[in-house]
Amino acid sequence: MLPVAIAALPPPALVAPAPHEVSFGRVAGTVSPGTRRIRVLVGGRLAVEKELLRRRFSVDVALPRRDVTIRVTAFDGLGHRSSTAVGPVFGLPRAAATQGGAQGRSDPALARTVRALARRFAGTCAIVVRDLRTGRGASWNARTAFPAASTLKLAIAVELLRSLRAVPAPGTRTDVLLRRMLIYSDSEAANKLLVQIGGSTSGGSARVNAAMRTLGLTNTDMYGGYVVEVEQARPSFVGKRTTAWDLARLARQLHLAASAKGLLSRRFRGEFTPTDARYLLYVLAHVREPGRLTRFLTGASVLHKAGWIGVARHDSGLVYWSGGVFVATVMTWNPGGANASSDVLAGRVAQASLSRFGQLF
């Protein structure tokens, strides 16, 4: 008598997270009929095990702030199992997912610290920090225009993703150019993406400007494409410009968009999606520009975009820590030449902000 074949248990179908995205720890999907429980492993370690009463499931797990692979294994009543793995996924703290809606207000203690740091800096600076859990923060020269340098490559990325039907697949021309533009601050890649957006660098920059105006960034101007290879030798206030207020606003809106909230989601509904935001945040998590906002931080992840020319150095982004997330933007200008003191200022601001927001947590 021939043995009876036992049907394999189909693997779970995951809808969240997705590879090459950030995740706040939500793991969701569906399982096949007969599945009784699931087991979720993060980086090979058991994160949660759950009994199921229906085919759909959603669980929250704690993710380390680094690239990991998440595996979901389904079990039926007979002990059969099947698995689905997704990765790489960059983990962000679960607490940050719901943060960002609090109204901004000044924190007197942090304001004093920021003011003291700004006054000691040998040059002109602008600073904006804001805790997205409480809205508390501080600023200095927030609406003063600075040469934007490469900080506006983040604005290019936002408009590029808005113009696409879906996030670019890994390894495609657009994906490679976007990563080169943000991770390595490649100006040639930025120009090629501007042409892709608008048919020319000037056409693309006009579309970027229009998108930023829609988001309320009224003091930001792309001013055409980038001067490849000689940009640092030609610093000038005539050209790309922005403010610390605008950069901080863009960073906050990107964080909110990852959870389908904020102006990016509302103004560009159906065009800039939560998937776009999570993909873009994933790229920013791999930016190779250390020693600025990250200079003195431990136990935190900085998703950021810096910019620099001969007389200016900036860094702006999102600092994720166990208590959530805050925005930090530091811009500096010195007619005698920007140097490492700009990076130290950015590091001190981020360090002081994390310390203060940790006290308020």
Protein backbone atom coordinates (compact mmCIF):
# COMPACT_ATOMS: atom_id res chain seq x y z
CA MET A 1 0.00 0.00 0.00
CA LEU A 2 1.39 3.38 -1.02
CA PRO A 3 1.95 5.95 1.76
CA VAL A 4 -0.52 8.80 1.91
CA ALA A 5 1.06 12.11 0.86
CA ILE A 6 0.74 14.84 3.44
CA ALA A 7 0.13 18.29 1.97
CA ALA A 8 2.74 20.86 2.88
CA LEU A 9 1.65 23.83 4.95
CA PRO A 10 1.83 26.96 2.72
CA PRO A 11 4.14 29.64 4.16
CA PRO A 12 2.78 32.85 5.70
CA ALA A 13 2.20 35.81 3.39
CA LEU A 14 3.67 38.96 4.94
CA VAL A 15 2.37 42.47 4.27
CA ALA A 16 4.68 44.15 6.79
CA PRO A 17 7.53 44.75 7.03
CA ALA A 18 9.05 44.87 3.55
CA PRO A 19 12.71 44.47 2.60
CA HIS A 20 14.86 47.59 2.24
CA GLU A 21 12.57 49.59 4.51
CA VAL A 22 12.60 50.76 8.11
CA SER A 23 10.20 49.13 10.51
CA PHE A 24 8.83 50.15 13.89
CA GLY A 25 8.27 46.50 14.75
CA ARG A 26 4.87 45.66 13.24
CA VAL A 27 4.82 42.20 11.67
CA ALA A 28 1.57 41.43 9.82
CA GLY A 29 0.21 39.08 7.23
CA THR A 30 -2.00 36.06 6.62
CA VAL A 31 -1.59 32.33 7.13
CA SER A 32 -3.13 29.35 5.41
CA PRO A 33 -6.21 27.52 6.76
CA GLY A 34 -5.34 25.13 9.56
CA THR A 35 -2.54 27.26 10.99
CA ARG A 36 -2.71 27.30 14.77
CA ARG A 37 0.21 29.49 15.81
CA ILE A 38 3.11 31.55 14.53
CA ARG A 39 6.60 32.18 15.77
CA VAL A 40 8.49 35.38 14.91
CA LEU A 41 12.28 35.42 14.96
CA VAL A 42 14.36 38.59 14.67
CA GLY A 43 17.93 38.05 13.61
CA GLY A 44 17.59 34.37 14.51
CA ARG A 45 16.23 35.05 18.02
CA LEU A 46 12.69 34.35 19.17
CA ALA A 47 10.75 37.61 19.50
CA VAL A 48 7.17 36.39 19.98
CA GLU A 49 5.01 33.29 19.69
CA LYS A 50 1.26 33.65 19.24
CA GLU A 51 -1.75 31.36 19.04
CA LEU A 52 -4.07 32.21 16.14
CA LEU A 53 -7.85 32.13 15.89
CA ARG A 54 -8.07 33.58 12.40
CA ARG A 55 -5.96 33.75 9.28
CA ARG A 56 -4.87 37.37 9.62
CA PHE A 57 -2.30 38.32 12.22
CA SER A 58 -0.47 41.40 13.45
CA VAL A 59 2.11 41.48 16.23
CA ASP A 60 4.52 44.09 17.52
CA VAL A 61 8.11 43.12 18.23
CA ALA A 62 11.15 45.01 19.42
CA LEU A 63 13.72 45.47 16.67
CA PRO A 64 17.39 46.38 17.07
CA ARG A 65 18.41 49.63 15.36
CA ARG A 66 20.30 47.90 12.57
CA ASP A 67 19.64 45.70 9.55
CA VAL A 68 17.99 42.42 10.48
CA THR A 69 16.09 39.55 8.88
CA ILE A 70 12.64 38.73 10.26
CA ARG A 71 11.33 35.18 9.92
CA VAL A 72 7.73 34.12 10.55
CA THR A 73 7.09 30.39 10.97
CA ALA A 74 3.56 28.96 10.87
CA PHE A 75 2.51 25.71 12.60
CA ASP A 76 -0.62 23.65 12.08
CA GLY A 77 -2.27 21.21 14.50
CA LEU A 78 -0.25 18.26 13.17
CA GLY A 79 3.10 19.88 13.77
CA HIS A 80 3.75 20.83 10.15
CA ARG A 81 5.54 24.11 9.68
CA SER A 82 6.52 26.59 6.99
CA SER A 83 8.38 29.90 7.06
CA THR A 84 8.72 33.22 5.30
CA ALA A 85 11.70 35.50 5.81
CA VAL A 86 12.06 39.19 4.94
CA GLY A 87 15.16 41.36 5.05
CA PRO A 88 17.12 43.44 5.31
CA VAL A 89 14.88 45.55 7.52
CA PHE A 90 16.28 48.45 9.58
CA GLY A 91 14.70 48.48 13.01
CA LEU A 92 13.39 51.62 14.69
CA PRO A 93 11.91 51.92 18.22
CA ARG A 94 8.22 51.09 18.52
CA ALA A 95 7.65 54.21 20.62
CA ALA A 96 8.57 56.45 17.69
CA ALA A 97 5.78 55.17 15.43
CA THR A 98 3.09 57.24 17.14
CA GLN A 99 5.19 60.36 17.70
CA GLY A 100 5.25 63.56 15.69
CA GLY A 101 1.86 65.17 16.20
CA ALA A 102 2.61 67.20 19.31
CA GLN A 103 2.55 70.98 18.89
CA GLY A 104 5.98 72.59 19.03
CA ARG A 105 6.92 74.54 22.15
CA SER A 106 10.11 75.84 23.69
CA ASP A 107 11.93 73.91 26.38
CA PRO A 108 13.66 76.56 28.53
CA ALA A 109 16.47 74.30 29.76
CA LEU A 110 17.37 73.08 26.29
CA ALA A 111 17.02 76.60 24.88
CA ARG A 112 19.65 77.84 27.33
CA THR A 113 22.02 75.07 26.30
CA VAL A 114 21.48 75.69 22.59
CA ARG A 115 21.99 79.42 23.05
CA ALA A 116 25.27 78.87 24.89
CA LEU A 117 26.56 76.46 22.23
CA ALA A 118 25.59 78.85 19.43
CA ARG A 119 27.27 81.84 21.04
CA ARG A 120 30.52 79.94 21.50
CA PHE A 121 30.66 78.97 17.83
CA ALA A 122 33.20 80.98 15.80
CA GLY A 123 30.90 81.85 12.92
CA THR A 124 27.20 82.00 12.10
CA CYS A 125 25.00 79.04 12.95
CA ALA A 126 21.38 77.97 12.97
CA ILE A 127 19.91 75.24 15.14
CA VAL A 128 16.55 73.49 15.42
CA VAL A 129 15.86 70.54 17.73
CA ARG A 130 12.43 69.13 18.52
CA ASP A 131 11.26 66.11 20.46
CA LEU A 132 8.48 64.52 18.40
CA ARG A 133 6.90 62.93 21.49
CA THR A 134 6.29 66.10 23.49
CA GLY A 135 6.88 68.85 20.90
CA ARG A 136 9.45 70.43 23.24
CA GLY A 137 12.58 71.84 21.66
CA ALA A 138 14.80 74.83 21.00
CA SER A 139 16.00 76.91 18.08
CA TRP A 140 18.55 79.55 17.12
CA ASN A 141 18.53 81.55 13.86
CA ALA A 142 16.01 79.02 12.60
CA ARG A 143 14.77 81.05 9.62
CA THR A 144 18.11 82.50 8.51
CA ALA A 145 19.01 81.40 4.96
CA PHE A 146 22.26 79.46 4.46
CA PRO A 147 23.89 77.96 1.37
CA ALA A 148 22.09 74.62 1.24
CA ALA A 149 24.85 72.51 -0.34
CA SER A 150 23.90 68.82 -0.43
CA THR A 151 21.16 68.95 2.21
CA LEU A 152 18.61 69.46 -0.59
CA LYS A 153 19.40 66.07 -2.06
CA LEU A 154 16.80 64.80 0.40
CA ALA A 155 14.24 67.11 -1.24
CA ILE A 156 15.21 65.66 -4.64
CA ALA A 157 14.63 62.15 -3.28
CA VAL A 158 11.17 63.08 -1.99
CA GLU A 159 10.07 64.53 -5.35
CA LEU A 160 11.61 61.61 -7.24
CA LEU A 161 9.67 59.03 -5.22
CA ARG A 162 6.50 61.10 -5.59
CA SER A 163 6.90 60.93 -9.37
CA LEU A 164 7.31 57.14 -9.46
CA ARG A 165 4.58 54.52 -9.37
CA ALA A 166 6.48 52.46 -6.80
CA VAL A 167 9.79 52.49 -4.96
CA PRO A 168 12.64 51.50 -7.30
CA ALA A 169 13.59 47.86 -7.17
CA PRO A 170 17.02 47.11 -5.66
CA GLY A 171 19.78 47.35 -8.22
CA THR A 172 17.82 49.30 -10.80
CA ARG A 173 19.27 52.48 -12.28
CA THR A 174 17.02 54.73 -10.18
CA ASP A 175 17.73 52.84 -6.96
CA VAL A 176 21.48 52.96 -7.56
CA LEU A 177 21.42 56.69 -8.37
CA LEU A 178 19.28 57.53 -5.36
CA ARG A 179 21.57 55.61 -3.01
CA ARG A 180 24.66 57.22 -4.52
CA MET A 181 23.08 60.65 -4.14
CA LEU A 182 22.16 60.20 -0.47
CA ILE A 183 24.66 57.70 0.94
CA TYR A 184 27.73 59.12 -0.81
CA SER A 185 26.36 62.61 -1.59
CA ASP A 186 27.14 62.11 -5.29
CA SER A 187 26.28 65.32 -7.18
CA GLU A 188 26.40 63.67 -10.61
CA ALA A 189 23.78 61.18 -9.44
CA ALA A 190 21.68 64.09 -8.12
CA ASN A 191 21.79 65.81 -11.52
CA LYS A 192 20.77 62.64 -13.34
CA LEU A 193 17.78 62.26 -11.02
CA LEU A 194 16.79 65.90 -11.56
CA VAL A 195 16.78 65.22 -15.30
CA GLN A 196 14.68 62.10 -14.70
CA ILE A 197 12.20 64.15 -12.68
CA GLY A 198 11.86 67.16 -14.97
CA GLY A 199 13.64 66.54 -18.28
CA SER A 200 16.59 68.76 -17.31
CA THR A 201 18.35 69.85 -14.15
CA SER A 202 16.47 73.16 -14.20
CA GLY A 203 13.15 71.44 -14.91
CA GLY A 204 13.75 68.95 -12.13
CA SER A 205 14.78 71.62 -9.65
CA ALA A 206 11.63 73.62 -10.47
CA ARG A 207 9.51 70.58 -9.61
CA VAL A 208 11.44 70.05 -6.37
CA ASN A 209 10.88 73.70 -5.44
CA ALA A 210 7.15 73.41 -6.15
CA ALA A 211 6.87 70.30 -3.98
CA MET A 212 8.71 71.96 -1.11
CA ARG A 213 6.42 75.02 -1.31
CA THR A 214 3.45 72.67 -1.02
CA LEU A 215 4.96 71.39 2.22
CA GLY A 216 5.44 74.91 3.57
CA LEU A 217 9.21 75.12 2.97
CA THR A 218 9.08 78.69 1.71
CA ASN A 219 12.77 79.53 2.16
CA THR A 220 14.19 76.63 0.17
CA ASP A 221 15.47 76.99 -3.41
CA MET A 222 17.20 74.30 -5.49
CA TYR A 223 18.55 76.87 -7.99
CA GLY A 224 19.20 74.32 -10.74
CA GLY A 225 21.53 71.32 -10.66
CA TYR A 226 24.81 70.72 -8.86
CA VAL A 227 28.25 71.77 -10.11
CA VAL A 228 29.99 68.42 -10.31
CA GLU A 229 33.42 68.14 -8.65
CA VAL A 230 33.97 71.90 -8.18
CA GLU A 231 31.01 72.69 -5.94
CA GLN A 232 33.17 72.96 -2.83
CA ALA A 233 35.45 75.50 -4.56
CA ARG A 234 32.59 77.87 -5.36
CA PRO A 235 30.71 78.64 -2.17
CA SER A 236 28.23 81.45 -2.50
CA PHE A 237 24.96 82.71 -1.12
CA VAL A 238 23.84 83.01 -4.73
CA GLY A 239 22.47 79.56 -5.38
CA LYS A 240 20.94 76.74 -3.41
CA ARG A 241 19.59 77.95 -0.12
CA THR A 242 17.52 76.76 2.78
CA THR A 243 16.98 77.30 6.50
CA ALA A 244 17.27 75.13 9.56
CA TRP A 245 13.52 75.52 10.03
CA ASP A 246 12.81 74.16 6.53
CA LEU A 247 15.19 71.21 6.87
CA ALA A 248 13.78 70.26 10.28
CA ARG A 249 10.25 70.47 8.91
CA LEU A 250 11.12 68.19 5.99
CA ALA A 251 12.69 65.61 8.31
CA ARG A 252 9.66 65.62 10.60
CA GLN A 253 7.26 65.24 7.67
CA LEU A 254 9.24 62.30 6.36
CA HIS A 255 8.99 60.57 9.74
CA LEU A 256 5.25 61.17 9.89
CA ALA A 257 4.74 59.92 6.33
CA ALA A 258 6.13 56.52 7.30
CA SER A 259 2.92 56.05 9.32
CA ALA A 260 0.63 57.72 6.75
CA LYS A 261 0.49 60.98 8.71
CA GLY A 262 1.49 64.58 8.11
CA LEU A 263 1.61 66.92 5.12
CA LEU A 264 3.60 64.62 2.86
CA SER A 265 0.83 62.03 3.11
CA ARG A 266 -2.06 64.51 2.94
CA ARG A 267 -0.84 66.86 0.21
CA PHE A 268 0.55 64.06 -1.95
CA ARG A 269 -2.02 61.39 -1.15
CA GLY A 270 -1.49 58.36 -3.34
CA GLU A 271 1.72 59.86 -4.75
CA PHE A 272 4.10 59.81 -1.78
CA THR A 273 3.15 56.71 0.20
CA PRO A 274 4.19 55.26 3.57
CA THR A 275 6.19 52.71 1.57
CA ASP A 276 8.07 55.58 -0.11
CA ALA A 277 8.82 57.11 3.28
CA ARG A 278 10.01 53.86 4.85
CA TYR A 279 12.24 53.14 1.85
CA LEU A 280 13.74 56.63 1.97
CA LEU A 281 14.32 56.40 5.72
CA TYR A 282 16.06 53.06 5.14
CA VAL A 283 18.48 54.72 2.71
CA LEU A 284 19.12 57.58 5.16
CA ALA A 285 19.93 55.03 7.87
CA HIS A 286 22.92 53.98 5.74
CA VAL A 287 24.31 57.44 4.97
CA ARG A 288 28.10 57.44 5.30
CA GLU A 289 28.68 60.86 6.79
CA PRO A 290 29.84 60.23 10.38
CA GLY A 291 31.19 62.69 12.89
CA ARG A 292 28.51 65.38 12.78
CA LEU A 293 25.19 64.77 14.56
CA THR A 294 26.52 61.30 15.36
CA ARG A 295 29.80 62.57 16.83
CA PHE A 296 29.04 62.11 20.54
CA LEU A 297 25.93 59.92 20.44
CA THR A 298 25.69 56.41 21.84
CA GLY A 299 22.62 54.24 21.92
CA ALA A 300 20.88 56.14 19.12
CA SER A 301 20.51 55.91 15.34
CA VAL A 302 20.74 59.01 13.15
CA LEU A 303 18.93 59.04 9.80
CA HIS A 304 20.29 62.16 8.19
CA LYS A 305 21.66 64.10 5.23
CA ALA A 306 24.62 66.44 5.58
CA GLY A 307 25.92 69.11 3.24
CA TRP A 308 29.14 71.06 3.00
CA ILE A 309 30.98 73.58 0.84
CA GLY A 310 34.04 75.69 1.56
CA VAL A 311 32.36 78.09 3.96
CA ALA A 312 29.45 76.02 5.24
CA ARG A 313 28.80 72.68 6.94
CA HIS A 314 25.38 71.32 7.88
CA ASP A 315 23.70 68.19 9.14
CA SER A 316 19.99 67.49 9.50
CA GLY A 317 17.96 64.44 10.33
CA LEU A 318 16.08 62.24 12.76
CA VAL A 319 17.61 60.79 15.92
CA TYR A 320 15.91 57.57 17.02
CA TRP A 321 16.48 56.32 20.56
CA SER A 322 14.70 54.02 22.97
CA GLY A 323 12.24 56.76 23.98
CA GLY A 324 11.29 57.70 20.44
CA VAL A 325 12.64 60.25 17.99
CA PHE A 326 13.66 63.88 17.72
CA VAL A 327 14.59 66.17 14.85
CA ALA A 328 18.00 67.85 14.86
CA THR A 329 19.28 70.38 12.34
CA VAL A 330 22.53 72.32 12.67
CA MET A 331 23.74 74.72 9.95
CA THR A 332 27.00 76.68 10.08
CA TRP A 333 28.73 79.33 7.99
CA ASN A 334 32.14 80.94 8.33
CA PRO A 335 33.57 83.23 5.61
CA GLY A 336 37.06 82.17 6.64
CA GLY A 337 36.23 78.53 5.94
CA ALA A 338 34.14 75.94 7.73
CA ASN A 339 36.05 73.28 9.66
CA ALA A 340 35.66 70.55 12.24
CA SER A 341 34.25 73.02 14.76
CA SER A 342 31.00 72.86 12.77
CA ASP A 343 30.89 69.10 13.21
CA VAL A 344 31.61 69.44 16.92
CA LEU A 345 28.75 71.91 17.29
CA ALA A 346 26.35 69.50 15.56
CA GLY A 347 27.53 66.70 17.83
CA ARG A 348 27.15 68.77 21.00
CA VAL A 349 23.64 69.86 20.02
CA ALA A 350 22.54 66.27 19.37
CA GLN A 351 24.18 65.05 22.57
CA ALA A 352 22.57 67.77 24.72
CA SER A 353 19.17 67.17 23.11
CA LEU A 354 19.25 63.43 23.72
CA SER A 355 20.24 64.03 27.33
CA ARG A 356 17.42 66.54 27.85
CA PHE A 357 14.72 64.50 26.14
CA GLY A 358 15.85 61.45 28.08
CA GLN A 359 15.22 63.39 31.30
CA LEU A 360 11.69 64.21 30.13
CA PHE A 361 10.88 60.63 29.10
